[in-house]
Protein backbone atom coordinates (compact mmCIF):
# COMPACT_ATOMS: atom_id res chain seq x y z
CA MET A 1 -0.46 -6.51 -25.26
CA GLU A 2 -3.57 -6.27 -23.65
CA LEU A 3 -4.08 -7.73 -19.89
CA ILE A 4 -6.61 -8.14 -17.17
CA LEU A 5 -5.01 -7.91 -13.71
CA LYS A 6 -5.50 -11.25 -11.33
CA GLN A 7 -3.51 -9.11 -8.76
CA ASP A 8 -2.37 -5.58 -7.68
CA VAL A 9 1.23 -5.53 -9.15
CA GLU A 10 3.70 -2.02 -8.18
CA GLY A 11 4.00 0.20 -10.72
CA LEU A 12 1.77 -0.86 -13.34
CA GLY A 13 -2.43 -1.65 -11.70
CA PHE A 14 -4.28 -2.88 -9.44
CA LYS A 15 -6.78 -6.30 -9.19
CA ASP A 16 -9.26 -6.49 -12.29
CA ASP A 17 -7.68 -3.13 -13.88
CA ILE A 18 -7.20 -3.67 -17.96
CA VAL A 19 -3.69 -2.92 -18.71
CA THR A 20 -1.49 -2.44 -21.44
CA VAL A 21 1.91 -3.79 -21.36
CA LYS A 22 4.45 -5.11 -24.06
CA ASN A 23 4.80 -8.18 -25.39
CA GLY A 24 7.09 -10.12 -23.84
CA TYR A 25 6.45 -8.86 -20.45
CA GLY A 26 3.25 -10.12 -20.33
CA ARG A 27 4.00 -13.34 -22.11
CA ASN A 28 7.02 -14.05 -19.96
CA PHE A 29 5.96 -12.96 -16.70
CA LEU A 30 3.10 -11.66 -16.20
CA ILE A 31 1.05 -14.83 -17.19
CA PRO A 32 3.48 -17.52 -16.48
CA GLN A 33 2.76 -15.85 -13.03
CA GLY A 34 -0.42 -16.11 -12.49
CA VAL A 35 -0.60 -12.39 -12.32
CA ALA A 36 -2.37 -11.49 -15.01
CA SER A 37 -4.39 -13.14 -18.00
CA LEU A 38 -5.54 -11.61 -21.56
CA ALA A 39 -8.17 -9.37 -22.20
CA THR A 40 -10.06 -10.70 -24.85
CA ILE A 41 -13.72 -9.70 -25.83
CA SER A 42 -15.46 -12.42 -23.62
CA ALA A 43 -12.61 -11.73 -20.65
CA LYS A 44 -13.86 -8.03 -20.81
CA LYS A 45 -17.96 -9.08 -20.72
CA VAL A 46 -17.30 -11.31 -17.92
CA LEU A 47 -14.80 -8.57 -15.82
CA ALA A 48 -17.41 -5.90 -16.53
CA GLU A 49 -20.58 -7.99 -15.30
CA ASN A 50 -18.62 -9.01 -11.78
CA LEU A 51 -17.04 -4.95 -11.55
CA LYS A 52 -20.92 -4.14 -11.56
CA GLN A 53 -22.08 -7.30 -9.23
CA ARG A 54 -19.64 -5.81 -6.86
CA ALA A 55 -19.90 -2.33 -6.88
CA PHE A 56 -22.39 -1.96 -4.13
CA LYS A 57 -19.30 -4.48 -1.58
CA GLU A 58 -17.17 -2.34 -2.40
CA LYS A 59 -18.98 0.34 -1.06
CA LYS A 60 -18.93 -0.10 2.41
CA VAL A 61 -15.45 -1.79 2.27
CA ILE A 62 -14.45 1.96 0.73
CA ASP A 63 -17.15 3.36 3.80
CA ASP A 64 -14.36 0.70 6.37
CA ALA A 65 -11.14 2.06 4.88
CA ASN A 66 -12.62 5.78 5.43
CA LYS A 67 -13.30 5.42 8.58
CA VAL A 68 -9.57 3.39 9.97
CA ALA A 69 -8.34 6.48 7.80
CA GLU A 70 -9.78 9.30 9.95
CA ALA A 71 -8.59 6.98 13.00
CA ILE A 72 -5.01 6.95 11.58
CA ASN A 73 -5.06 10.83 10.55
CA ALA A 74 -6.31 11.39 14.77
CA LEU A 75 -2.21 9.63 15.94
CA GLU A 76 0.06 11.12 16.85
CA LEU A 77 2.97 8.05 16.04
CA LYS A 78 6.14 8.34 17.65
CA ILE A 79 8.70 5.66 17.38
CA ALA A 80 11.46 4.54 19.75
CA ALA A 81 15.10 3.84 18.24
CA LYS A 82 18.52 3.69 19.15
CA VAL A 83 20.48 7.38 18.77
CA GLY A 84 24.64 7.64 18.39
CA THR A 85 25.96 10.89 18.15
CA GLY A 86 24.51 13.22 17.33
CA ASP A 87 21.02 12.77 15.64
CA LYS A 88 22.04 9.70 13.68
CA LEU A 89 19.91 6.21 14.07
CA PHE A 90 22.00 2.93 14.70
CA GLY A 91 19.89 1.22 11.92
CA SER A 92 16.94 2.83 10.71
CA VAL A 93 13.40 3.45 10.50
CA ASN A 94 10.83 1.77 7.92
CA ASN A 95 8.06 0.67 6.53
CA ILE A 96 8.24 -2.24 9.40
CA ASN A 97 8.46 0.12 12.00
CA VAL A 98 5.48 2.05 11.26
CA ALA A 99 3.73 -1.35 10.59
CA GLU A 100 4.24 -2.16 14.10
CA ALA A 101 3.99 0.94 15.78
CA LEU A 102 0.30 1.36 13.69
CA GLU A 103 -0.16 -2.42 15.72
CA LYS A 104 1.04 -1.02 18.77
CA GLU A 105 -2.22 1.72 18.52
CA GLY A 106 -4.52 -0.80 17.51
CA HIS A 107 -4.25 -0.40 13.37
CA GLU A 108 -2.95 -3.72 11.78
CA ILE A 109 -1.75 -2.72 8.26
CA ASP A 110 0.43 -4.56 5.99
CA LYS A 111 3.71 -3.19 5.77
CA LYS A 112 3.45 -3.49 1.87
CA TYR A 113 1.15 -0.91 2.32
CA ILE A 114 2.82 1.49 3.45
CA SER A 115 5.70 3.91 2.39
CA VAL A 116 7.99 5.97 3.96
CA THR A 117 8.74 9.22 2.23
CA GLY A 118 12.22 9.10 1.08
CA GLY A 119 12.96 5.37 1.79
CA ASN A 120 14.62 4.82 5.37
CA VAL A 121 14.82 7.09 8.09
CA LYS A 122 18.33 7.39 9.54
CA ARG A 123 17.98 10.51 11.66
CA LEU A 124 15.97 12.02 14.50
CA GLY A 125 12.82 14.28 13.28
CA LYS A 126 9.63 14.12 12.37
CA TYR A 127 8.75 12.50 8.68
CA ASN A 128 5.71 11.24 6.32
CA ALA A 129 4.37 7.49 5.39
CA THR A 130 1.90 7.13 3.03
CA VAL A 131 -0.36 4.17 4.03
CA ARG A 132 -3.30 2.47 1.56
CA LEU A 133 -5.93 1.51 2.83
CA HIS A 134 -8.23 0.68 -0.52
CA ARG A 135 -7.41 1.32 -3.87
CA GLU A 136 -9.12 4.55 -3.92
CA VAL A 137 -8.29 5.23 -0.20
CA SER A 138 -5.17 6.61 1.34
CA VAL A 139 -3.38 8.78 4.01
CA ASP A 140 -0.68 10.88 4.60
CA LEU A 141 0.90 9.72 8.17
CA PRO A 142 3.29 11.91 10.01
CA PHE A 143 5.25 10.18 12.48
CA GLU A 144 8.34 11.46 14.77
CA VAL A 145 11.25 9.37 15.55
CA VAL A 146 12.59 9.90 18.66
CA PRO A 147 15.42 8.72 20.74
CA GLN A 148 14.98 5.71 23.17
CA ALA A 149 14.98 5.79 26.57
């Protein structure tokens, strides 16, 4: 079953992508949730026209995302966390903590666009996160978990 996505779906595709999914997934989940619509011939033509018109606007958005990516690359992010015995943390550091640290630095990025490599961080040290600023622009963000003073 071919569908046109109306919004980003994790693990499937981005908004306005034409994807092929199993019939049950499309009929029972994606279409009723309003996440996708059937990719008929006329819908594909409308989508192609919309994408053509949006191409110029998209270029400016990508340029802005690249500027933010350069600014994020220049950051040295340190996240303070409570530490127990050795280098174990009380709790963990995850994408929410990285988003808060970026916000303190002046970059407001939604937590759902940040993924910490390896999931939750439970020890002190240096780690990486991937920040997706646009469907075509993502940046690796190194950060360090340090003990809280």
